[in-house]
Amino acid sequence: MGFTVSTLVNMTELEIDDLVQALLDGFHPDLLVGEKYGLKSAIRAEKRRLEEDMNRQRLQILLKAGKKRAADESNKGAALEGQRVSREHQGDNDMGFADVVVSAGPLNLNSKEHVLLEQNRLNFGTPGLLSFPEPSSDNEGRKGGRKKKNRLLSQENGEDVDDRQREHPFIVTEPGELARGKKNGLDYLFSLYEQCAKFLEEVQQMSKERGEKCPTKVTNQVFRHAKLKGASYINKPKMRHYVHCYALHCLDIEQSNHFRKLYKERGENVGAWRQACYYPLVEMARRNGWDIEGVFNRNEKLRIWYVPTKLRQLCHVEKSKDSDSCSYD
């Protein structure tokens, strides 16, 4: 029928349905129900495979550039140490090592510039979504634990741990639309954050009565309290995973609603919608002098939530790009 793999993987669900119907009308094959769904499943599987390969290549490029930068910084530190030693020798004896210092300086500057240019050249797509391991922004707990060690080991091996494939319990819905089937809509997702705020108020009240320190943000204590109250559907991984989507909903509801309608019309899943919600927040941080923490704290509903680490990294990357472009100008 003239369809290529590239065409198939870029088609939406509705377009794939039209393709299957055209296949049935044009060739009249005796397809079973499972075979019809198998065609759609094979296209989705190939699309996931291509996306995983691209993300893996991007992560390897970023990790390679980061290692080169670290090596260059260590070389620069060695050069500075050599300059200091040469000055000390010049203080004792007029015969210094000027030739060595002069040759070492330009070499490191050129190396650093080469790394920056290479990063700008290879930094395509959505670089902020592929991040290096950093300490958690909520400062809860210690760095120990077998799970965290495994995650760090996987990141060192070039695996995208933070954006690993997972089953999303939500579907993209328009404002006021009720989800059908086993998955919930986005209005329900945002209502979970409102429930967390109420549980935080209860924890604060209990802490005041006991004379203990009151938490000002949603911490593990709040999630444990929610579970004791029967709200086991509220858990830390899920709420941390979509907190930036809720932030966009609170800061710019019109743009948030526009994204919801757009991604529903395109037939995209909630994972693609979640990734798209990062960039309006980065633009808000740019307009506020890259103070993303202040953007959260100035909002009544967001000040109780920690800024996601990936959002911080995105802001840092974009800020570095702006600084590099200004320096080159």
Protein backbone atom coordinates (compact mmCIF):
# COMPACT_ATOMS: atom_id res chain seq x y z
CA MET A 1 0.00 0.00 0.00
CA GLY A 2 3.03 2.33 -0.08
CA PHE A 3 3.46 2.77 3.69
CA THR A 4 6.99 2.86 5.10
CA VAL A 5 8.12 2.19 8.66
CA SER A 6 8.82 5.90 9.14
CA THR A 7 5.28 6.74 8.05
CA LEU A 8 3.68 4.15 10.29
CA VAL A 9 5.50 5.11 13.50
CA ASN A 10 4.55 8.78 13.04
CA MET A 11 0.84 8.07 12.62
CA THR A 12 -1.68 8.73 15.36
CA GLU A 13 -4.11 6.13 16.70
CA LEU A 14 -6.93 7.45 14.52
CA GLU A 15 -4.75 7.32 11.42
CA ILE A 16 -3.76 3.75 12.20
CA ASP A 17 -7.46 2.84 12.51
CA ASP A 18 -8.05 4.39 9.10
CA LEU A 19 -5.11 2.40 7.73
CA VAL A 20 -6.53 -0.90 9.01
CA GLN A 21 -9.95 -0.05 7.59
CA ALA A 22 -8.41 0.82 4.22
CA LEU A 23 -6.55 -2.48 4.27
CA LEU A 24 -9.80 -4.36 4.90
CA ASP A 25 -11.72 -2.45 2.23
CA GLY A 26 -9.00 -2.68 -0.41
CA PHE A 27 -7.73 -6.24 -0.07
CA HIS A 28 -10.51 -7.95 1.94
CA PRO A 29 -8.15 -10.10 4.05
CA ASP A 30 -9.64 -12.46 6.62
CA LEU A 31 -8.08 -10.81 9.66
CA LEU A 32 -8.93 -12.00 13.13
CA VAL A 33 -9.69 -9.48 15.84
CA GLY A 34 -6.35 -10.21 17.48
CA GLU A 35 -4.54 -9.63 14.20
CA LYS A 36 -6.14 -6.21 13.81
CA TYR A 37 -4.94 -5.19 17.24
CA GLY A 38 -1.61 -6.90 16.54
CA LEU A 39 -0.92 -4.48 13.69
CA LYS A 40 -1.45 -1.50 15.99
CA SER A 41 0.58 -3.13 18.76
CA ALA A 42 3.50 -3.81 16.40
CA ILE A 43 3.53 -0.18 15.24
CA ARG A 44 3.56 1.07 18.85
CA ALA A 45 6.33 -1.37 19.76
CA GLU A 46 8.49 -0.18 16.85
CA LYS A 47 7.84 3.44 17.82
CA ARG A 48 8.93 2.76 21.41
CA ARG A 49 12.05 0.98 20.19
CA LEU A 50 13.08 3.89 17.97
CA GLU A 51 12.45 6.39 20.77
CA GLU A 52 14.51 4.31 23.22
CA ASP A 53 17.41 4.07 20.74
CA MET A 54 17.37 7.85 20.16
CA ASN A 55 17.21 8.61 23.89
CA ARG A 56 20.07 6.20 24.57
CA GLN A 57 22.22 7.87 21.90
CA ARG A 58 21.46 11.33 23.29
CA LEU A 59 22.32 10.24 26.82
CA GLN A 60 25.62 8.72 25.69
CA ILE A 61 26.53 11.94 23.89
CA LEU A 62 25.74 14.04 26.97
CA LEU A 63 27.64 11.71 29.28
CA LYS A 64 30.64 11.79 26.96
CA ALA A 65 30.57 15.60 26.83
CA GLY A 66 30.29 15.77 30.63
CA LYS A 67 33.30 13.52 31.09
CA LYS A 68 35.32 15.68 28.68
CA ARG A 69 34.35 18.79 30.59
CA ALA A 70 35.38 17.22 33.91
CA ALA A 71 38.72 16.16 32.44
CA ASP A 72 39.29 19.63 31.03
CA GLU A 73 38.53 21.26 34.39
CA SER A 74 41.03 18.97 36.11
CA ASN A 75 43.65 19.88 33.48
CA LYS A 76 42.93 23.55 34.02
CA GLY A 77 43.39 23.10 37.77
CA ALA A 78 46.73 21.42 37.14
CA ALA A 79 47.77 24.30 34.88
CA LEU A 80 46.87 26.86 37.54
CA GLU A 81 48.85 24.89 40.08
CA GLY A 82 51.79 24.94 37.68
CA GLN A 83 51.48 28.71 37.35
CA ARG A 84 51.53 29.10 41.13
CA VAL A 85 54.61 26.94 41.44
CA SER A 86 56.34 28.86 38.65
CA ARG A 87 55.62 32.17 40.41
CA GLU A 88 57.12 30.82 43.63
CA HIS A 89 60.25 29.79 41.76
CA GLN A 90 60.41 33.17 40.09
CA GLY A 91 60.25 34.80 43.50
CA ASP A 92 63.30 32.83 44.61
CA ASN A 93 65.11 32.98 41.31
CA ASP A 94 64.60 35.34 38.38
CA MET A 95 64.80 32.36 36.01
CA GLY A 96 61.17 31.13 35.82
CA PHE A 97 59.24 28.76 33.66
CA ALA A 98 57.37 31.30 31.55
CA ASP A 99 57.52 29.16 28.45
CA VAL A 100 55.79 26.26 30.18
CA VAL A 101 53.06 28.45 31.65
CA VAL A 102 52.35 30.21 28.37
CA SER A 103 52.09 26.94 26.50
CA ALA A 104 49.83 25.39 29.13
CA GLY A 105 47.35 28.27 29.29
CA PRO A 106 46.19 28.44 25.65
CA LEU A 107 46.07 24.63 25.43
CA ASN A 108 43.47 24.37 28.19
CA LEU A 109 41.46 27.33 26.95
CA ASN A 110 41.23 25.82 23.50
CA SER A 111 40.27 22.46 24.99
CA LYS A 112 37.46 23.98 27.03
CA GLU A 113 36.16 25.95 24.09
CA HIS A 114 36.24 22.77 22.03
CA VAL A 115 34.11 20.97 24.61
CA LEU A 116 31.57 23.82 24.75
CA LEU A 117 31.29 23.97 20.97
CA GLU A 118 30.91 20.22 20.79
CA GLN A 119 28.13 20.32 23.37
CA ASN A 120 26.29 23.07 21.49
CA ARG A 121 26.63 21.12 18.26
CA LEU A 122 25.41 17.83 19.72
CA ASN A 123 22.79 19.24 22.06
CA PHE A 124 19.65 18.53 20.03
CA GLY A 125 16.11 17.46 20.85
CA THR A 126 15.10 17.77 24.49
CA PRO A 127 18.42 17.82 26.41
CA GLY A 128 16.87 18.61 29.75
CA LEU A 129 14.96 15.34 29.72
CA LEU A 130 18.20 13.41 29.73
CA SER A 131 19.98 14.44 32.89
CA PHE A 132 23.01 13.51 34.91
CA PRO A 133 22.55 12.06 38.40
CA GLU A 134 22.10 14.77 41.03
CA PRO A 135 21.06 14.69 44.68
CA SER A 136 17.31 14.79 45.23
CA SER A 137 15.83 18.28 45.53
CA ASP A 138 13.62 17.40 48.49
CA ASN A 139 16.57 16.50 50.77
CA GLU A 140 14.61 13.59 52.24
CA GLY A 141 16.52 10.60 53.48
CA ARG A 142 20.08 9.56 52.87
CA LYS A 143 21.89 8.48 49.74
CA GLY A 144 22.17 4.88 50.88
CA GLY A 145 19.96 1.99 49.90
CA ARG A 146 20.16 -0.76 47.39
CA LYS A 147 17.60 0.75 44.99
CA LYS A 148 19.38 4.07 44.75
CA LYS A 149 22.73 2.36 44.19
CA ASN A 150 21.21 0.36 41.35
CA ARG A 151 19.80 3.54 39.81
CA LEU A 152 23.16 5.31 39.98
CA LEU A 153 24.87 2.25 38.48
CA SER A 154 22.37 2.21 35.64
CA GLN A 155 22.92 5.91 34.98
CA GLU A 156 26.68 5.37 34.83
CA ASN A 157 26.10 2.63 32.25
CA GLY A 158 24.20 5.08 30.07
CA GLU A 159 20.65 3.93 30.82
CA ASP A 160 17.85 6.47 31.06
CA VAL A 161 16.53 5.54 34.48
CA ASP A 162 14.44 8.62 35.21
CA ASP A 163 12.43 8.34 32.00
CA ARG A 164 12.20 4.57 31.85
CA GLN A 165 9.14 3.05 30.19
CA ARG A 166 6.30 2.68 32.66
CA GLU A 167 2.56 2.20 32.61
CA HIS A 168 0.89 5.55 33.15
CA PRO A 169 -2.32 5.29 35.20
CA PHE A 170 -3.81 8.35 33.46
CA ILE A 171 -4.99 9.40 30.01
CA VAL A 172 -5.02 12.86 28.48
CA THR A 173 -8.44 14.44 28.96
CA GLU A 174 -9.81 17.92 28.36
CA PRO A 175 -10.91 20.10 31.29
CA GLY A 176 -14.16 18.80 32.73
CA GLU A 177 -14.03 15.56 30.75
CA LEU A 178 -14.58 12.31 32.61
CA ALA A 179 -12.23 9.47 31.73
CA ARG A 180 -13.63 6.14 30.70
CA GLY A 181 -12.21 2.71 31.28
CA LYS A 182 -9.59 1.69 33.82
CA LYS A 183 -7.48 4.87 33.64
CA ASN A 184 -8.26 8.22 35.22
CA GLY A 185 -8.29 11.68 33.67
CA LEU A 186 -6.13 14.71 34.34
CA ASP A 187 -8.77 16.47 36.47
CA TYR A 188 -8.52 13.52 38.86
CA LEU A 189 -4.72 13.76 38.81
CA PHE A 190 -4.80 17.43 39.82
CA SER A 191 -7.34 16.69 42.55
CA LEU A 192 -4.79 14.36 44.18
CA TYR A 193 -2.51 17.36 44.77
CA GLU A 194 -5.35 19.20 46.45
CA GLN A 195 -5.85 16.18 48.72
CA CYS A 196 -2.14 16.19 49.56
CA ALA A 197 -2.45 19.83 50.67
CA LYS A 198 -5.24 18.85 53.06
CA PHE A 199 -3.20 15.95 54.44
CA LEU A 200 -0.29 18.35 54.97
CA GLU A 201 -2.55 20.64 57.01
CA GLU A 202 -3.59 17.68 59.15
CA VAL A 203 0.06 16.69 59.73
CA GLN A 204 0.92 20.29 60.66
CA GLN A 205 -1.95 20.42 63.15
CA MET A 206 -0.89 17.13 64.73
CA SER A 207 2.71 18.34 64.97
CA LYS A 208 1.63 21.55 66.72
CA GLU A 209 -0.40 19.60 69.25
CA ARG A 210 2.57 17.33 69.99
CA GLY A 211 5.04 20.21 70.11
CA GLU A 212 7.01 18.81 67.20
CA LYS A 213 8.50 20.56 64.18
CA CYS A 214 5.86 21.25 61.54
CA PRO A 215 6.71 20.31 57.94
CA THR A 216 6.21 23.13 55.46
CA LYS A 217 6.28 20.91 52.38
CA VAL A 218 4.82 17.57 51.34
CA THR A 219 7.30 15.06 52.77
CA ASN A 220 7.35 11.33 53.44
CA GLN A 221 5.49 12.03 56.68
CA VAL A 222 2.54 13.36 54.67
CA PHE A 223 2.46 10.34 52.38
CA ARG A 224 2.55 7.99 55.38
CA HIS A 225 -0.30 9.93 56.97
CA ALA A 226 -2.33 9.70 53.76
CA LYS A 227 -1.82 5.94 53.68
CA LEU A 228 -2.98 5.63 57.28
CA LYS A 229 -6.10 7.59 56.35
CA GLY A 230 -6.89 5.07 53.62
CA ALA A 231 -5.59 7.13 50.69
CA SER A 232 -3.11 4.50 49.52
CA TYR A 233 -3.59 5.72 45.95
CA ILE A 234 -1.52 8.79 46.92
CA ASN A 235 2.15 7.81 46.84
CA LYS A 236 5.41 9.70 46.54
CA PRO A 237 6.64 8.39 43.15
CA LYS A 238 3.40 9.21 41.36
CA MET A 239 3.00 12.65 42.89
CA ARG A 240 6.65 13.57 42.25
CA HIS A 241 6.34 12.32 38.66
CA TYR A 242 3.63 14.81 37.67
CA VAL A 243 4.31 17.73 40.03
CA HIS A 244 5.56 19.99 37.23
CA CYS A 245 2.31 19.31 35.29
CA TYR A 246 0.36 20.47 38.33
CA ALA A 247 2.67 23.50 38.55
CA LEU A 248 1.75 24.53 34.99
CA HIS A 249 -1.91 24.02 35.86
CA CYS A 250 -1.56 26.41 38.81
CA LEU A 251 0.64 29.03 37.14
CA ASP A 252 -0.94 29.23 33.68
CA ILE A 253 -4.23 27.34 33.49
CA GLU A 254 -5.00 28.58 29.97
CA GLN A 255 -1.81 27.13 28.54
CA SER A 256 -2.30 23.96 30.55
CA ASN A 257 -5.80 23.52 29.12
CA HIS A 258 -4.47 24.24 25.63
CA PHE A 259 -1.87 21.48 25.98
CA ARG A 260 -4.53 19.05 27.18
CA LYS A 261 -6.77 19.71 24.18
CA LEU A 262 -3.87 19.64 21.74
CA TYR A 263 -2.43 16.33 22.90
CA LYS A 264 -5.84 14.70 23.09
CA GLU A 265 -6.61 15.73 19.51
CA ARG A 266 -3.25 14.34 18.40
CA GLY A 267 -3.93 11.04 20.17
CA GLU A 268 -0.77 11.31 22.27
CA ASN A 269 -0.39 9.44 25.55
CA VAL A 270 0.04 11.09 28.93
CA GLY A 271 3.82 10.58 28.81
CA ALA A 272 4.21 12.90 25.82
CA TRP A 273 1.94 15.46 27.46
CA ARG A 274 3.99 15.25 30.66
CA GLN A 275 7.25 15.96 28.82
CA ALA A 276 5.74 18.97 27.04
CA CYS A 277 4.75 20.59 30.34
CA TYR A 278 8.40 21.27 31.21
CA TYR A 279 9.06 23.99 28.64
CA PRO A 280 6.48 26.62 29.67
CA LEU A 281 7.95 26.40 33.17
CA VAL A 282 11.46 26.93 31.80
CA GLU A 283 10.25 30.06 30.02
CA MET A 284 8.69 31.31 33.28
CA ALA A 285 12.02 30.73 35.03
CA ARG A 286 13.82 32.66 32.27
CA ARG A 287 11.49 35.65 32.76
CA ASN A 288 12.14 35.50 36.52
CA GLY A 289 15.93 35.47 36.35
CA TRP A 290 16.11 31.65 36.38
CA ASP A 291 14.72 31.60 39.94
CA ILE A 292 12.46 28.56 39.53
CA GLU A 293 12.37 28.12 43.31
CA GLY A 294 10.90 31.60 43.65
CA VAL A 295 8.30 30.82 40.98
CA PHE A 296 7.08 27.90 43.10
CA ASN A 297 7.24 29.76 46.41
CA ARG A 298 5.23 32.73 45.19
CA ASN A 299 2.26 30.49 44.39
CA GLU A 300 0.02 29.53 47.29
CA LYS A 301 -0.59 25.98 46.04
CA LEU A 302 2.94 25.26 44.81
CA ARG A 303 4.99 26.44 47.77
CA ILE A 304 4.33 23.15 49.55
CA TRP A 305 5.96 21.14 46.73
CA TYR A 306 9.65 20.65 46.00
CA VAL A 307 10.93 21.76 42.60
CA PRO A 308 11.62 18.63 40.50
CA THR A 309 15.29 17.92 39.93
CA LYS A 310 14.79 17.54 36.20
CA LEU A 311 13.15 20.96 35.99
CA ARG A 312 16.17 22.46 37.79
CA GLN A 313 18.48 20.74 35.32
CA LEU A 314 16.49 22.03 32.35
CA CYS A 315 16.73 25.58 33.68
CA HIS A 316 20.46 25.15 34.27
CA VAL A 317 21.02 23.90 30.70
CA GLU A 318 19.02 26.73 29.14
CA LYS A 319 20.73 29.29 31.36
CA SER A 320 24.12 27.97 30.26
CA LYS A 321 23.05 28.25 26.63
CA ASP A 322 22.03 31.87 27.14
CA SER A 323 25.33 32.65 28.89
CA ASP A 324 27.35 31.01 26.12
CA SER A 325 25.48 32.89 23.39
CA CYS A 326 26.01 36.20 25.20
CA SER A 327 29.71 35.51 25.66
CA TYR A 328 30.15 34.64 21.99
CA ASP A 329 28.28 37.78 20.95
